[in-house]
C-alpha atoms as a PDB file:
ATOM      1  CA  UNK A   1       0.000   0.000   0.000  1.00  0.00           C
ATOM      2  CA  UNK A   2       1.465   3.345  -1.003  1.00  0.00           C
ATOM      3  CA  UNK A   3       1.785   6.277   1.378  1.00  0.00           C
ATOM      4  CA  UNK A   4      -0.938   8.197  -0.491  1.00  0.00           C
ATOM      5  CA  UNK A   5      -3.349   5.252  -0.214  1.00  0.00           C
ATOM      6  CA  UNK A   6      -2.607   4.883   3.479  1.00  0.00           C
ATOM      7  CA  UNK A   7      -3.128   8.603   4.108  1.00  0.00           C
ATOM      8  CA  UNK A   8      -6.422   8.440   2.211  1.00  0.00           C
ATOM      9  CA  UNK A   9      -7.548   5.461   4.275  1.00  0.00           C
ATOM     10  CA  UNK A  10      -6.616   7.208   7.519  1.00  0.00           C
ATOM     11  CA  UNK A  11      -8.578  10.319   6.478  1.00  0.00           C
ATOM     12  CA  UNK A  12     -11.614   8.163   5.687  1.00  0.00           C
ATOM     13  CA  UNK A  13     -11.337   6.394   9.029  1.00  0.00           C
ATOM     14  CA  UNK A  14     -10.885   9.653  10.954  1.00  0.00           C
ATOM     15  CA  UNK A  15     -13.897  11.199   9.230  1.00  0.00           C
ATOM     16  CA  UNK A  16     -16.034   8.146   9.934  1.00  0.00           C
ATOM     17  CA  UNK A  17     -14.966   8.127  13.567  1.00  0.00           C
ATOM     18  CA  UNK A  18     -15.774  11.780  14.014  1.00  0.00           C
ATOM     19  CA  UNK A  19     -19.276  11.440  12.613  1.00  0.00           C
ATOM     20  CA  UNK A  20     -20.503   8.246  14.274  1.00  0.00           C
ATOM     21  CA  UNK A  21     -20.452   6.539  17.618  1.00  0.00           C
ATOM     22  CA  UNK A  22     -18.886   3.146  18.110  1.00  0.00           C
ATOM     23  CA  UNK A  23     -20.500   0.735  15.712  1.00  0.00           C
ATOM     24  CA  UNK A  24     -19.954  -2.826  14.563  1.00  0.00           C
ATOM     25  CA  UNK A  25     -18.451  -3.464  11.137  1.00  0.00           C
ATOM     26  CA  UNK A  26     -18.490  -6.571   9.027  1.00  0.00           C
ATOM     27  CA  UNK A  27     -15.098  -7.760   7.868  1.00  0.00           C
ATOM     28  CA  UNK A  28     -15.972  -6.491   4.371  1.00  0.00           C
ATOM     29  CA  UNK A  29     -16.788  -3.012   5.713  1.00  0.00           C
ATOM     30  CA  UNK A  30     -13.609  -2.932   7.801  1.00  0.00           C
ATOM     31  CA  UNK A  31     -11.544  -3.988   4.779  1.00  0.00           C
ATOM     32  CA  UNK A  32     -13.071  -1.205   2.692  1.00  0.00           C
ATOM     33  CA  UNK A  33     -12.336   1.416   5.355  1.00  0.00           C
ATOM     34  CA  UNK A  34      -8.777   0.189   5.950  1.00  0.00           C
ATOM     35  CA  UNK A  35      -8.010  -0.305   2.274  1.00  0.00           C
ATOM     36  CA  UNK A  36      -7.118  -3.991   2.638  1.00  0.00           C
ATOM     37  CA  UNK A  37      -8.411  -7.062   0.869  1.00  0.00           C
ATOM     38  CA  UNK A  38     -11.118  -8.997   2.698  1.00  0.00           C
ATOM     39  CA  UNK A  39      -8.917 -12.107   2.958  1.00  0.00           C
ATOM     40  CA  UNK A  40      -6.172 -10.027   4.584  1.00  0.00           C
ATOM     41  CA  UNK A  41      -8.634  -8.730   7.178  1.00  0.00           C
ATOM     42  CA  UNK A  42      -9.829 -12.264   7.970  1.00  0.00           C
ATOM     43  CA  UNK A  43      -6.223 -13.416   8.331  1.00  0.00           C
ATOM     44  CA  UNK A  44      -5.416 -10.552  10.713  1.00  0.00           C
ATOM     45  CA  UNK A  45      -8.505 -11.393  12.792  1.00  0.00           C
ATOM     46  CA  UNK A  46      -7.677 -15.107  12.916  1.00  0.00           C
ATOM     47  CA  UNK A  47      -4.066 -14.403  13.899  1.00  0.00           C
ATOM     48  CA  UNK A  48      -5.339 -11.962  16.531  1.00  0.00           C
ATOM     49  CA  UNK A  49      -3.406  -9.074  15.035  1.00  0.00           C
ATOM     50  CA  UNK A  50      -6.638  -7.078  14.795  1.00  0.00           C
ATOM     51  CA  UNK A  51      -9.243  -7.293  17.576  1.00  0.00           C
ATOM     52  CA  UNK A  52     -12.477  -8.912  16.417  1.00  0.00           C
ATOM     53  CA  UNK A  53     -15.516 -10.620  17.855  1.00  0.00           C
ATOM     54  CA  UNK A  54     -16.820 -13.978  16.750  1.00  0.00           C
ATOM     55  CA  UNK A  55     -20.595 -14.104  16.616  1.00  0.00           C
ATOM     56  CA  UNK A  56     -21.988 -17.582  16.265  1.00  0.00           C
ATOM     57  CA  UNK A  57     -19.883 -20.082  14.345  1.00  0.00           C
ATOM     58  CA  UNK A  58     -19.001 -18.082  11.255  1.00  0.00           C
ATOM     59  CA  UNK A  59     -19.685 -14.360  11.676  1.00  0.00           C
ATOM     60  CA  UNK A  60     -16.993 -11.899  12.726  1.00  0.00           C
ATOM     61  CA  UNK A  61     -17.478  -8.278  13.638  1.00  0.00           C
ATOM     62  CA  UNK A  62     -14.973  -5.512  14.283  1.00  0.00           C
ATOM     63  CA  UNK A  63     -15.652  -2.440  16.385  1.00  0.00           C
ATOM     64  CA  UNK A  64     -14.993   0.713  14.420  1.00  0.00           C
ATOM     65  CA  UNK A  65     -13.058   2.196  17.352  1.00  0.00           C
ATOM     66  CA  UNK A  66     -10.855  -0.926  17.518  1.00  0.00           C
ATOM     67  CA  UNK A  67     -10.101  -0.642  13.799  1.00  0.00           C
ATOM     68  CA  UNK A  68      -9.218   3.049  14.073  1.00  0.00           C
ATOM     69  CA  UNK A  69      -7.029   2.462  17.122  1.00  0.00           C
ATOM     70  CA  UNK A  70      -5.256  -0.404  15.365  1.00  0.00           C
ATOM     71  CA  UNK A  71      -4.611   1.689  12.245  1.00  0.00           C
ATOM     72  CA  UNK A  72      -3.269   4.584  14.299  1.00  0.00           C
ATOM     73  CA  UNK A  73      -1.072   2.320  16.436  1.00  0.00           C
ATOM     74  CA  UNK A  74       0.652   1.007  13.306  1.00  0.00           C
ATOM     75  CA  UNK A  75       1.582   4.434  11.989  1.00  0.00           C
ATOM     76  CA  UNK A  76       5.205   4.847  10.995  1.00  0.00           C
ATOM     77  CA  UNK A  77       6.690   8.320  10.917  1.00  0.00           C
ATOM     78  CA  UNK A  78       8.282   9.428   7.676  1.00  0.00           C
ATOM     79  CA  UNK A  79      11.991  10.108   7.683  1.00  0.00           C
ATOM     80  CA  UNK A  80      13.073  13.699   7.357  1.00  0.00           C
ATOM     81  CA  UNK A  81      15.274  14.281   4.337  1.00  0.00           C
END
């Protein structure tokens, strides 16, 4: 993912967080917000890299605040030239 794509995703996430209260996202919705493929999101949930909640046998949900916090915690500062 390029720096521009990541910045765009972070802006989208920040805007969504500012306009809504904590809500539950499907893995597809979380992938769209984060800019990842759905399979990547499932893998991160299964490996417990990203917090998620298993509902029933097959459904997974991700709290929007957890997704935003995870994205922000993985931020890497750019080097100064």
